[in-house]
Every structure is written in C-alpha cells, then in structure tokens.
PDB file of N, CA and C in Angstrom:
ATOM      1  N   MET A   1     -10.981 -27.702  13.882  1.00  0.00           N
ATOM      2  CA  MET A   1     -10.728 -26.308  13.519  1.00  0.00           C
ATOM      3  C   MET A   1     -11.265 -26.164  12.267  1.00  0.00           C
ATOM      4  N   VAL A   2     -12.059 -25.052  11.687  1.00  0.00           N
ATOM      5  CA  VAL A   2     -12.516 -24.729  10.362  1.00  0.00           C
ATOM      6  C   VAL A   2     -11.588 -24.008   9.702  1.00  0.00           C
ATOM      7  N   ALA A   3     -11.125 -24.171   8.695  1.00  0.00           N
ATOM      8  CA  ALA A   3     -10.287 -23.306   7.891  1.00  0.00           C
ATOM      9  C   ALA A   3     -11.146 -22.355   7.200  1.00  0.00           C
ATOM     10  N   SER A   4     -10.554 -21.104   7.160  1.00  0.00           N
ATOM     11  CA  SER A   4     -11.170 -19.777   6.607  1.00  0.00           C
ATOM     12  C   SER A   4     -10.744 -19.939   5.232  1.00  0.00           C
ATOM     13  N   MET A   5     -11.343 -18.891   4.280  1.00  0.00           N
ATOM     14  CA  MET A   5     -10.982 -18.629   3.353  1.00  0.00           C
ATOM     15  C   MET A   5      -9.923 -17.956   3.051  1.00  0.00           C
ATOM     16  N   TYR A   6      -9.070 -17.433   4.146  1.00  0.00           N
ATOM     17  CA  TYR A   6      -7.909 -16.691   4.121  1.00  0.00           C
ATOM     18  C   TYR A   6      -6.513 -17.540   4.272  1.00  0.00           C
ATOM     19  N   ASP A   7      -7.021 -18.749   4.766  1.00  0.00           N
ATOM     20  CA  ASP A   7      -5.591 -19.785   5.127  1.00  0.00           C
ATOM     21  C   ASP A   7      -5.013 -19.941   3.732  1.00  0.00           C
ATOM     22  N   ARG A   8      -3.894 -19.400   3.802  1.00  0.00           N
ATOM     23  CA  ARG A   8      -2.692 -19.742   2.427  1.00  0.00           C
ATOM     24  C   ARG A   8      -1.757 -20.383   3.094  1.00  0.00           C
ATOM     25  N   THR A   9      -1.307 -21.253   2.149  1.00  0.00           N
ATOM     26  CA  THR A   9       0.260 -21.817   2.510  1.00  0.00           C
ATOM     27  C   THR A   9       1.217 -20.602   1.940  1.00  0.00           C
ATOM     28  N   TRP A  10       2.253 -20.705   2.153  1.00  0.00           N
ATOM     29  CA  TRP A  10       3.650 -20.173   2.272  1.00  0.00           C
ATOM     30  C   TRP A  10       3.523 -19.706   0.792  1.00  0.00           C
ATOM     31  N   THR A  11       3.627 -20.569  -0.010  1.00  0.00           N
ATOM     32  CA  THR A  11       3.320 -20.674  -1.548  1.00  0.00           C
ATOM     33  C   THR A  11       2.602 -19.821  -2.115  1.00  0.00           C
ATOM     34  N   GLN A  12       1.301 -19.958  -1.833  1.00  0.00           N
ATOM     35  CA  GLN A  12      -0.021 -19.326  -2.167  1.00  0.00           C
ATOM     36  C   GLN A  12       0.309 -17.678  -1.833  1.00  0.00           C
ATOM     37  N   ALA A  13       0.829 -17.367  -0.734  1.00  0.00           N
ATOM     38  CA  ALA A  13       0.946 -15.971  -0.176  1.00  0.00           C
ATOM     39  C   ALA A  13       1.851 -15.222  -0.974  1.00  0.00           C
ATOM     40  N   CYS A  14       3.118 -16.119  -1.297  1.00  0.00           N
ATOM     41  CA  CYS A  14       4.074 -15.622  -2.015  1.00  0.00           C
ATOM     42  C   CYS A  14       3.576 -15.253  -3.725  1.00  0.00           C
ATOM     43  N   ALA A  15       2.825 -16.195  -4.097  1.00  0.00           N
ATOM     44  CA  ALA A  15       2.113 -15.931  -5.339  1.00  0.00           C
ATOM     45  C   ALA A  15       1.222 -14.839  -5.257  1.00  0.00           C
ATOM     46  N   ASP A  16       0.638 -14.593  -4.360  1.00  0.00           N
ATOM     47  CA  ASP A  16      -0.484 -13.494  -4.125  1.00  0.00           C
ATOM     48  C   ASP A  16       0.336 -11.983  -4.238  1.00  0.00           C
ATOM     49  N   CYS A  17       1.280 -11.897  -3.786  1.00  0.00           N
ATOM     50  CA  CYS A  17       2.304 -10.959  -3.715  1.00  0.00           C
ATOM     51  C   CYS A  17       3.117 -10.493  -4.993  1.00  0.00           C
ATOM     52  N   CYS A  18       3.533 -11.617  -5.425  1.00  0.00           N
ATOM     53  CA  CYS A  18       4.294 -11.544  -6.795  1.00  0.00           C
ATOM     54  C   CYS A  18       3.174 -11.073  -8.033  1.00  0.00           C
ATOM     55  N   LEU A  19       1.778 -11.741  -7.801  1.00  0.00           N
ATOM     56  CA  LEU A  19       0.795 -11.443  -9.056  1.00  0.00           C
ATOM     57  C   LEU A  19       0.358  -9.947  -8.433  1.00  0.00           C
ATOM     58  N   ALA A  20       0.312  -9.353  -7.350  1.00  0.00           N
ATOM     59  CA  ALA A  20       0.134  -8.002  -7.388  1.00  0.00           C
ATOM     60  C   ALA A  20       1.346  -7.066  -7.849  1.00  0.00           C
ATOM     61  N   ALA A  21       2.480  -7.874  -7.634  1.00  0.00           N
ATOM     62  CA  ALA A  21       3.754  -6.750  -8.326  1.00  0.00           C
ATOM     63  C   ALA A  21       3.464  -6.848  -9.621  1.00  0.00           C
ATOM     64  N   VAL A  22       3.191  -7.855 -10.258  1.00  0.00           N
ATOM     65  CA  VAL A  22       2.940  -7.883 -11.787  1.00  0.00           C
ATOM     66  C   VAL A  22       1.643  -6.955 -12.393  1.00  0.00           C
ATOM     67  N   VAL A  23       0.843  -7.193 -11.520  1.00  0.00           N
ATOM     68  CA  VAL A  23      -0.414  -6.358 -12.169  1.00  0.00           C
ATOM     69  C   VAL A  23      -0.234  -4.818 -11.794  1.00  0.00           C
ATOM     70  N   VAL A  24       0.368  -4.389 -10.788  1.00  0.00           N
ATOM     71  CA  VAL A  24       1.037  -2.954 -10.784  1.00  0.00           C
ATOM     72  C   VAL A  24       2.010  -2.694 -11.802  1.00  0.00           C
ATOM     73  N   ALA A  25       2.810  -3.441 -12.307  1.00  0.00           N
ATOM     74  CA  ALA A  25       3.516  -2.944 -13.379  1.00  0.00           C
ATOM     75  C   ALA A  25       3.114  -2.845 -14.621  1.00  0.00           C
ATOM     76  N   ALA A  26       1.912  -3.878 -14.740  1.00  0.00           N
ATOM     77  CA  ALA A  26       1.136  -4.079 -16.035  1.00  0.00           C
ATOM     78  C   ALA A  26       0.316  -2.655 -16.224  1.00  0.00           C
ATOM     79  N   ALA A  27      -0.151  -2.192 -15.004  1.00  0.00           N
ATOM     80  CA  ALA A  27      -1.045  -1.155 -14.846  1.00  0.00           C
ATOM     81  C   ALA A  27      -0.279   0.192 -15.239  1.00  0.00           C
ATOM     82  N   VAL A  28       1.011   0.097 -14.513  1.00  0.00           N
ATOM     83  CA  VAL A  28       1.821   1.312 -14.966  1.00  0.00           C
ATOM     84  C   VAL A  28       2.053   1.487 -16.268  1.00  0.00           C
ATOM     85  N   GLY A  29       2.688   0.520 -16.819  1.00  0.00           N
ATOM     86  CA  GLY A  29       2.898   0.316 -18.449  1.00  0.00           C
ATOM     87  C   GLY A  29       1.735   0.524 -19.378  1.00  0.00           C
ATOM     88  N   LEU A  30       0.444   0.115 -18.832  1.00  0.00           N
ATOM     89  CA  LEU A  30      -0.536   0.757 -19.661  1.00  0.00           C
ATOM     90  C   LEU A  30      -0.733   2.204 -19.524  1.00  0.00           C
ATOM     91  N   LEU A  31      -0.837   2.646 -18.396  1.00  0.00           N
ATOM     92  CA  LEU A  31      -1.041   4.280 -18.408  1.00  0.00           C
ATOM     93  C   LEU A  31       0.154   5.078 -18.832  1.00  0.00           C
ATOM     94  N   LEU A  32       1.394   4.452 -18.709  1.00  0.00           N
ATOM     95  CA  LEU A  32       2.625   5.074 -19.466  1.00  0.00           C
ATOM     96  C   LEU A  32       2.571   5.191 -21.265  1.00  0.00           C
ATOM     97  N   ALA A  33       2.003   3.941 -21.484  1.00  0.00           N
ATOM     98  CA  ALA A  33       1.718   3.925 -22.816  1.00  0.00           C
ATOM     99  C   ALA A  33       0.652   4.713 -23.442  1.00  0.00           C
ATOM    100  N   ALA A  34      -0.472   4.699 -22.615  1.00  0.00           N
ATOM    101  CA  ALA A  34      -1.556   5.630 -22.984  1.00  0.00           C
ATOM    102  C   ALA A  34      -0.983   6.948 -22.886  1.00  0.00           C
ATOM    103  N   ALA A  35      -0.176   7.619 -22.119  1.00  0.00           N
ATOM    104  CA  ALA A  35       0.231   8.957 -22.013  1.00  0.00           C
ATOM    105  C   ALA A  35       1.099   9.120 -23.050  1.00  0.00           C
ATOM    106  N   LEU A  36       1.929   8.123 -23.499  1.00  0.00           N
ATOM    107  CA  LEU A  36       3.123   8.562 -24.312  1.00  0.00           C
ATOM    108  C   LEU A  36       2.460   8.550 -25.905  1.00  0.00           C
ATOM    109  N   ALA A  37       1.906   7.412 -25.981  1.00  0.00           N
ATOM    110  CA  ALA A  37       1.170   7.520 -27.399  1.00  0.00           C
ATOM    111  C   ALA A  37      -0.087   8.094 -27.492  1.00  0.00           C
ATOM    112  N   PRO A  38      -0.299   8.924 -28.389  1.00  0.00           N
ATOM    113  CA  PRO A  38      -1.834   9.405 -28.227  1.00  0.00           C
ATOM    114  C   PRO A  38      -2.923   8.585 -28.455  1.00  0.00           C
ATOM    115  N   ALA A  39      -3.461   8.211 -27.417  1.00  0.00           N
ATOM    116  CA  ALA A  39      -4.792   7.351 -27.379  1.00  0.00           C
ATOM    117  C   ALA A  39      -5.938   8.216 -27.872  1.00  0.00           C
ATOM    118  N   PRO A  40      -6.828   7.580 -28.429  1.00  0.00           N
ATOM    119  CA  PRO A  40      -8.135   8.213 -28.800  1.00  0.00           C
ATOM    120  C   PRO A  40      -8.522   8.882 -27.667  1.00  0.00           C
ATOM    121  N   PRO A  41      -9.415   9.989 -27.390  1.00  0.00           N
ATOM    122  CA  PRO A  41      -9.973  10.230 -26.234  1.00  0.00           C
ATOM    123  C   PRO A  41     -11.088   9.502 -25.906  1.00  0.00           C
ATOM    124  N   ALA A  42     -11.808   8.545 -26.464  1.00  0.00           N
ATOM    125  CA  ALA A  42     -12.693   7.861 -26.097  1.00  0.00           C
ATOM    126  C   ALA A  42     -12.267   6.679 -25.481  1.00  0.00           C
ATOM    127  N   VAL A  43     -11.086   6.324 -25.490  1.00  0.00           N
ATOM    128  CA  VAL A  43     -10.379   5.093 -24.683  1.00  0.00           C
ATOM    129  C   VAL A  43      -9.931   5.461 -23.443  1.00  0.00           C
ATOM    130  N   LEU A  44      -9.572   6.759 -23.279  1.00  0.00           N
ATOM    131  CA  LEU A  44      -8.766   7.559 -22.168  1.00  0.00           C
ATOM    132  C   LEU A  44      -9.523   6.924 -20.949  1.00  0.00           C
ATOM    133  N   PRO A  45     -10.587   7.184 -20.764  1.00  0.00           N
ATOM    134  CA  PRO A  45     -11.628   6.871 -19.467  1.00  0.00           C
ATOM    135  C   PRO A  45     -11.458   5.248 -19.315  1.00  0.00           C
ATOM    136  N   LEU A  46     -11.311   4.567 -20.224  1.00  0.00           N
ATOM    137  CA  LEU A  46     -11.323   2.988 -20.053  1.00  0.00           C
ATOM    138  C   LEU A  46      -9.643   2.705 -19.694  1.00  0.00           C
ATOM    139  N   VAL A  47      -8.862   3.355 -20.182  1.00  0.00           N
ATOM    140  CA  VAL A  47      -7.493   3.144 -19.572  1.00  0.00           C
ATOM    141  C   VAL A  47      -7.331   3.339 -18.167  1.00  0.00           C
ATOM    142  N   VAL A  48      -7.711   4.585 -17.772  1.00  0.00           N
ATOM    143  CA  VAL A  48      -7.707   5.197 -16.532  1.00  0.00           C
ATOM    144  C   VAL A  48      -8.238   4.065 -15.720  1.00  0.00           C
ATOM    145  N   LEU A  49      -9.471   3.667 -16.171  1.00  0.00           N
ATOM    146  CA  LEU A  49     -10.084   2.962 -15.152  1.00  0.00           C
ATOM    147  C   LEU A  49      -9.646   1.430 -14.889  1.00  0.00           C
ATOM    148  N   ALA A  50      -8.944   0.768 -15.993  1.00  0.00           N
ATOM    149  CA  ALA A  50      -8.167  -0.464 -15.922  1.00  0.00           C
ATOM    150  C   ALA A  50      -6.803  -0.367 -15.162  1.00  0.00           C
ATOM    151  N   GLY A  51      -6.286   1.014 -15.554  1.00  0.00           N
ATOM    152  CA  GLY A  51      -4.902   1.402 -14.858  1.00  0.00           C
ATOM    153  C   GLY A  51      -4.832   1.412 -13.189  1.00  0.00           C
ATOM    154  N   VAL A  52      -5.956   2.128 -13.087  1.00  0.00           N
ATOM    155  CA  VAL A  52      -6.345   2.318 -11.515  1.00  0.00           C
ATOM    156  C   VAL A  52      -7.062   1.192 -10.709  1.00  0.00           C
ATOM    157  N   GLY A  53      -7.858   0.575 -11.560  1.00  0.00           N
ATOM    158  CA  GLY A  53      -9.045  -0.599 -10.734  1.00  0.00           C
ATOM    159  C   GLY A  53      -8.295  -1.808 -10.740  1.00  0.00           C
ATOM    160  N   MET A  54      -7.410  -2.212 -11.621  1.00  0.00           N
ATOM    161  CA  MET A  54      -6.717  -3.677 -11.895  1.00  0.00           C
ATOM    162  C   MET A  54      -5.867  -3.750 -10.292  1.00  0.00           C
ATOM    163  N   PRO A  55      -5.003  -2.647 -10.071  1.00  0.00           N
ATOM    164  CA  PRO A  55      -4.253  -2.638  -8.769  1.00  0.00           C
ATOM    165  C   PRO A  55      -5.171  -2.554  -7.683  1.00  0.00           C
ATOM    166  N   MET A  56      -6.275  -1.894  -7.775  1.00  0.00           N
ATOM    167  CA  MET A  56      -7.158  -1.907  -6.091  1.00  0.00           C
ATOM    168  C   MET A  56      -7.860  -3.171  -6.229  1.00  0.00           C
ATOM    169  N   VAL A  57      -7.967  -4.027  -7.440  1.00  0.00           N
ATOM    170  CA  VAL A  57      -8.723  -5.210  -6.954  1.00  0.00           C
ATOM    171  C   VAL A  57      -7.791  -6.122  -6.380  1.00  0.00           C
ATOM    172  N   VAL A  58      -6.618  -6.261  -7.185  1.00  0.00           N
ATOM    173  CA  VAL A  58      -5.681  -6.918  -6.526  1.00  0.00           C
ATOM    174  C   VAL A  58      -5.134  -6.681  -4.957  1.00  0.00           C
ATOM    175  N   ALA A  59      -5.028  -5.641  -4.711  1.00  0.00           N
ATOM    176  CA  ALA A  59      -4.779  -4.854  -3.277  1.00  0.00           C
ATOM    177  C   ALA A  59      -5.465  -5.555  -2.505  1.00  0.00           C
ATOM    178  N   TYR A  60      -6.774  -5.786  -2.779  1.00  0.00           N
ATOM    179  CA  TYR A  60      -7.782  -6.541  -1.817  1.00  0.00           C
ATOM    180  C   TYR A  60      -7.444  -7.658  -1.156  1.00  0.00           C
ATOM    181  N   GLU A  61      -6.807  -8.516  -1.779  1.00  0.00           N
ATOM    182  CA  GLU A  61      -6.043  -9.648  -1.642  1.00  0.00           C
ATOM    183  C   GLU A  61      -4.807  -9.594  -0.746  1.00  0.00           C
ATOM    184  N   LEU A  62      -4.143  -8.534  -0.626  1.00  0.00           N
ATOM    185  CA  LEU A  62      -2.758  -8.435  -0.109  1.00  0.00           C
ATOM    186  C   LEU A  62      -2.700  -8.635   1.245  1.00  0.00           C
ATOM    187  N   PRO A  63      -3.648  -8.048   2.304  1.00  0.00           N
ATOM    188  CA  PRO A  63      -3.576  -7.982   3.572  1.00  0.00           C
ATOM    189  C   PRO A  63      -3.414  -9.517   3.888  1.00  0.00           C
ATOM    190  N   PRO A  64      -4.606 -10.113   3.513  1.00  0.00           N
ATOM    191  CA  PRO A  64      -4.311 -11.634   4.026  1.00  0.00           C
ATOM    192  C   PRO A  64      -3.270 -12.392   3.738  1.00  0.00           C
ATOM    193  N   ALA A  65      -2.565 -12.044   2.659  1.00  0.00           N
ATOM    194  CA  ALA A  65      -1.427 -12.812   2.164  1.00  0.00           C
ATOM    195  C   ALA A  65      -0.115 -12.255   3.115  1.00  0.00           C
ATOM    196  N   VAL A  66      -0.233 -11.173   3.248  1.00  0.00           N
ATOM    197  CA  VAL A  66       0.815 -10.582   4.144  1.00  0.00           C
ATOM    198  C   VAL A  66       0.691 -11.038   5.407  1.00  0.00           C
ATOM    199  N   SER A  67      -0.349 -10.952   6.164  1.00  0.00           N
ATOM    200  CA  SER A  67      -0.681 -11.908   7.414  1.00  0.00           C
ATOM    201  C   SER A  67      -0.096 -13.374   7.283  1.00  0.00           C
ATOM    202  N   SER A  68      -0.588 -13.883   6.443  1.00  0.00           N
ATOM    203  CA  SER A  68      -0.043 -15.253   6.316  1.00  0.00           C
ATOM    204  C   SER A  68       1.532 -15.387   6.458  1.00  0.00           C
ATOM    205  N   LEU A  69       2.195 -14.492   5.534  1.00  0.00           N
ATOM    206  CA  LEU A  69       3.511 -14.787   5.543  1.00  0.00           C
ATOM    207  C   LEU A  69       4.027 -14.243   6.816  1.00  0.00           C
ATOM    208  N   ARG A  70       3.653 -13.550   7.599  1.00  0.00           N
ATOM    209  CA  ARG A  70       4.172 -12.859   8.985  1.00  0.00           C
ATOM    210  C   ARG A  70       3.771 -14.112  10.009  1.00  0.00           C
ATOM    211  N   ALA A  71       2.405 -14.815   9.799  1.00  0.00           N
ATOM    212  CA  ALA A  71       2.283 -15.708  10.773  1.00  0.00           C
ATOM    213  C   ALA A  71       3.243 -17.088  10.616  1.00  0.00           C
ATOM    214  N   HIS A  72       3.483 -17.364   9.220  1.00  0.00           N
ATOM    215  CA  HIS A  72       4.583 -18.457   8.750  1.00  0.00           C
ATOM    216  C   HIS A  72       5.811 -17.917   9.546  1.00  0.00           C
ATOM    217  N   ARG A  73       6.123 -16.845   9.285  1.00  0.00           N
ATOM    218  CA  ARG A  73       7.522 -16.369   9.874  1.00  0.00           C
ATOM    219  C   ARG A  73       7.544 -16.552  11.455  1.00  0.00           C
ATOM    220  N   ARG A  74       6.493 -16.207  11.892  1.00  0.00           N
ATOM    221  CA  ARG A  74       6.313 -16.437  13.512  1.00  0.00           C
ATOM    222  C   ARG A  74       6.640 -17.931  13.775  1.00  0.00           C
ATOM    223  N   LEU A  75       5.810 -18.833  13.085  1.00  0.00           N
ATOM    224  CA  LEU A  75       5.991 -20.141  13.625  1.00  0.00           C
ATOM    225  C   LEU A  75       7.225 -20.642  13.126  1.00  0.00           C
ATOM    226  N   VAL A  76       7.784 -20.534  12.083  1.00  0.00           N
ATOM    227  CA  VAL A  76       9.052 -20.959  11.792  1.00  0.00           C
ATOM    228  C   VAL A  76      10.278 -20.528  12.864  1.00  0.00           C
ATOM    229  N   SER A  77      10.001 -19.350  13.427  1.00  0.00           N
ATOM    230  CA  SER A  77      11.203 -18.825  14.465  1.00  0.00           C
ATOM    231  C   SER A  77      10.744 -19.615  15.818  1.00  0.00           C
ATOM    232  N   ALA A  78       9.557 -19.971  15.848  1.00  0.00           N
ATOM    233  CA  ALA A  78       9.225 -20.442  17.195  1.00  0.00           C
ATOM    234  C   ALA A  78       9.594 -21.881  17.401  1.00  0.00           C
ATOM    235  N   MET A  79       9.682 -22.643  15.949  1.00  0.00           N
ATOM    236  CA  MET A  79      10.052 -24.035  15.966  1.00  0.00           C
ATOM    237  C   MET A  79      11.683 -24.111  15.808  1.00  0.00           C
ATOM    238  N   ARG A  80      12.190 -22.898  15.354  1.00  0.00           N
ATOM    239  CA  ARG A  80      13.876 -22.856  15.800  1.00  0.00           C
ATOM    240  C   ARG A  80      14.184 -22.717  17.051  1.00  0.00           C
ATOM    241  N   ARG A  81      13.169 -21.974  17.784  1.00  0.00           N
ATOM    242  CA  ARG A  81      13.614 -21.621  19.524  1.00  0.00           C
ATOM    243  C   ARG A  81      13.363 -22.991  19.964  1.00  0.00           C
ATOM    244  N   ASP A  82      12.448 -23.533  19.580  1.00  0.00           N
ATOM    245  CA  ASP A  82      12.257 -24.936  20.530  1.00  0.00           C
ATOM    246  C   ASP A  82      13.214 -26.020  20.038  1.00  0.00           C
ATOM    247  N   LEU A  83      13.622 -26.097  18.849  1.00  0.00           N
ATOM    248  CA  LEU A  83      14.667 -26.827  18.423  1.00  0.00           C
ATOM    249  C   LEU A  83      15.854 -26.499  19.023  1.00  0.00           C
ATOM    250  N   ALA A  84      16.297 -25.231  19.103  1.00  0.00           N
ATOM    251  CA  ALA A  84      17.737 -24.910  19.797  1.00  0.00           C
ATOM    252  C   ALA A  84      17.658 -25.415  21.251  1.00  0.00           C
ATOM    253  N   GLN A  85      16.538 -25.570  21.769  1.00  0.00           N
ATOM    254  CA  GLN A  85      16.542 -26.007  23.240  1.00  0.00           C
ATOM    255  C   GLN A  85      16.812 -27.601  23.393  1.00  0.00           C
ATOM    256  N   LEU A  86      16.823 -28.088  22.447  1.00  0.00           N
ATOM    257  CA  LEU A  86      16.897 -29.721  22.501  1.00  0.00           C
ATOM    258  C   LEU A  86      18.358 -29.903  22.906  1.00  0.00           C
ATOM    259  N   PRO A  87      18.950 -30.995  23.549  1.00  0.00           N
ATOM    260  CA  PRO A  87      20.064 -31.503  23.801  1.00  0.00           C
ATOM    261  C   PRO A  87      20.644 -32.020  22.555  1.00  0.00           C
ATOM    262  N   GLU A  88      22.205 -31.710  22.368  1.00  0.00           N
ATOM    263  CA  GLU A  88      22.817 -32.171  21.385  1.00  0.00           C
ATOM    264  C   GLU A  88      23.054 -33.655  22.043  1.00  0.00           C
ATOM    265  N   THR A  89      22.963 -34.887  20.803  1.00  0.00           N
ATOM    266  CA  THR A  89      23.702 -35.951  21.203  1.00  0.00           C
ATOM    267  C   THR A  89      24.372 -36.758  20.098  1.00  0.00           C
ATOM    268  N   PRO A  90      25.311 -37.387  20.575  1.00  0.00           N
ATOM    269  CA  PRO A  90      26.364 -37.933  19.377  1.00  0.00           C
ATOM    270  C   PRO A  90      25.909 -38.747  18.503  1.00  0.00           C
ATOM    271  N   HIS A  91      26.277 -38.659  17.505  1.00  0.00           N
ATOM    272  CA  HIS A  91      25.651 -39.878  16.375  1.00  0.00           C
ATOM    273  C   HIS A  91      26.244 -41.210  16.406  1.00  0.00           C
ATOM    274  N   PRO A  92      25.592 -42.418  16.665  1.00  0.00           N
ATOM    275  CA  PRO A  92      25.646 -43.562  17.179  1.00  0.00           C
ATOM    276  C   PRO A  92      27.100 -44.373  16.398  1.00  0.00           C
ATOM    277  N   PHE A  93      27.450 -43.727  14.991  1.00  0.00           N
ATOM    278  CA  PHE A  93      28.691 -44.374  14.079  1.00  0.00           C
ATOM    279  C   PHE A  93      29.629 -43.414  14.505  1.00  0.00           C
ATOM    280  N   ASP A  94      29.701 -42.297  15.272  1.00  0.00           N
ATOM    281  CA  ASP A  94      30.793 -41.475  15.545  1.00  0.00           C
ATOM    282  C   ASP A  94      31.350 -41.881  16.667  1.00  0.00           C
ATOM    283  N   ARG A  95      32.604 -42.811  16.597  1.00  0.00           N
ATOM    284  CA  ARG A  95      33.400 -43.381  17.854  1.00  0.00           C
ATOM    285  C   ARG A  95      34.724 -42.910  17.898  1.00  0.00           C
TER     286      ARG A  95
END
C-alpha cells in the first residue's frame, strides 16, 4: 500500500487543527489591531491581505486533517467493538 501525502497520524491531524485555530486567532487580532489603531492607508491592503489570506491558506489543509481524525475515530470504535466480543477469562493468579 502506497502512503499518500494526506496520511496523517492522530497527533499530526490534531496539530493541524490547532495550528488553524491559532492562525485564525492571529488574523483576527491583526485585523482588530489595524481597525482600532489607526494604520497608515498604504498598509491597510497588506493587513487585509494577510488577515484574510493566512486563514485561507491554513484552511486548505483542514479537510484532510478532519478526515484523518474521523477515520481514526472509526478505527478505534471498530477495535473496541471487536474487543468487546472477546470472551472474558479469569486471571491465572485469581483463585
């Protein structure tokens, strides 16, 4: 089986989602700071481009991360379902 570029571990997928949240928070802070503190008019297009462009670039990586998290959840629930079907055996030292 050939691994694709979207195969992620659970930790990598969680890190991608957390990074997206941090980038969105930073973009909102940048736009808010530019709105509250009078920014020079020449800088406003760059601020808007960065404030809108950064979340868009990070959002491009979110669908594969979310699908990896959902696939992991499905695999874990299938494993737990299989483990629940196993018979219980007494421990050899319990007498």
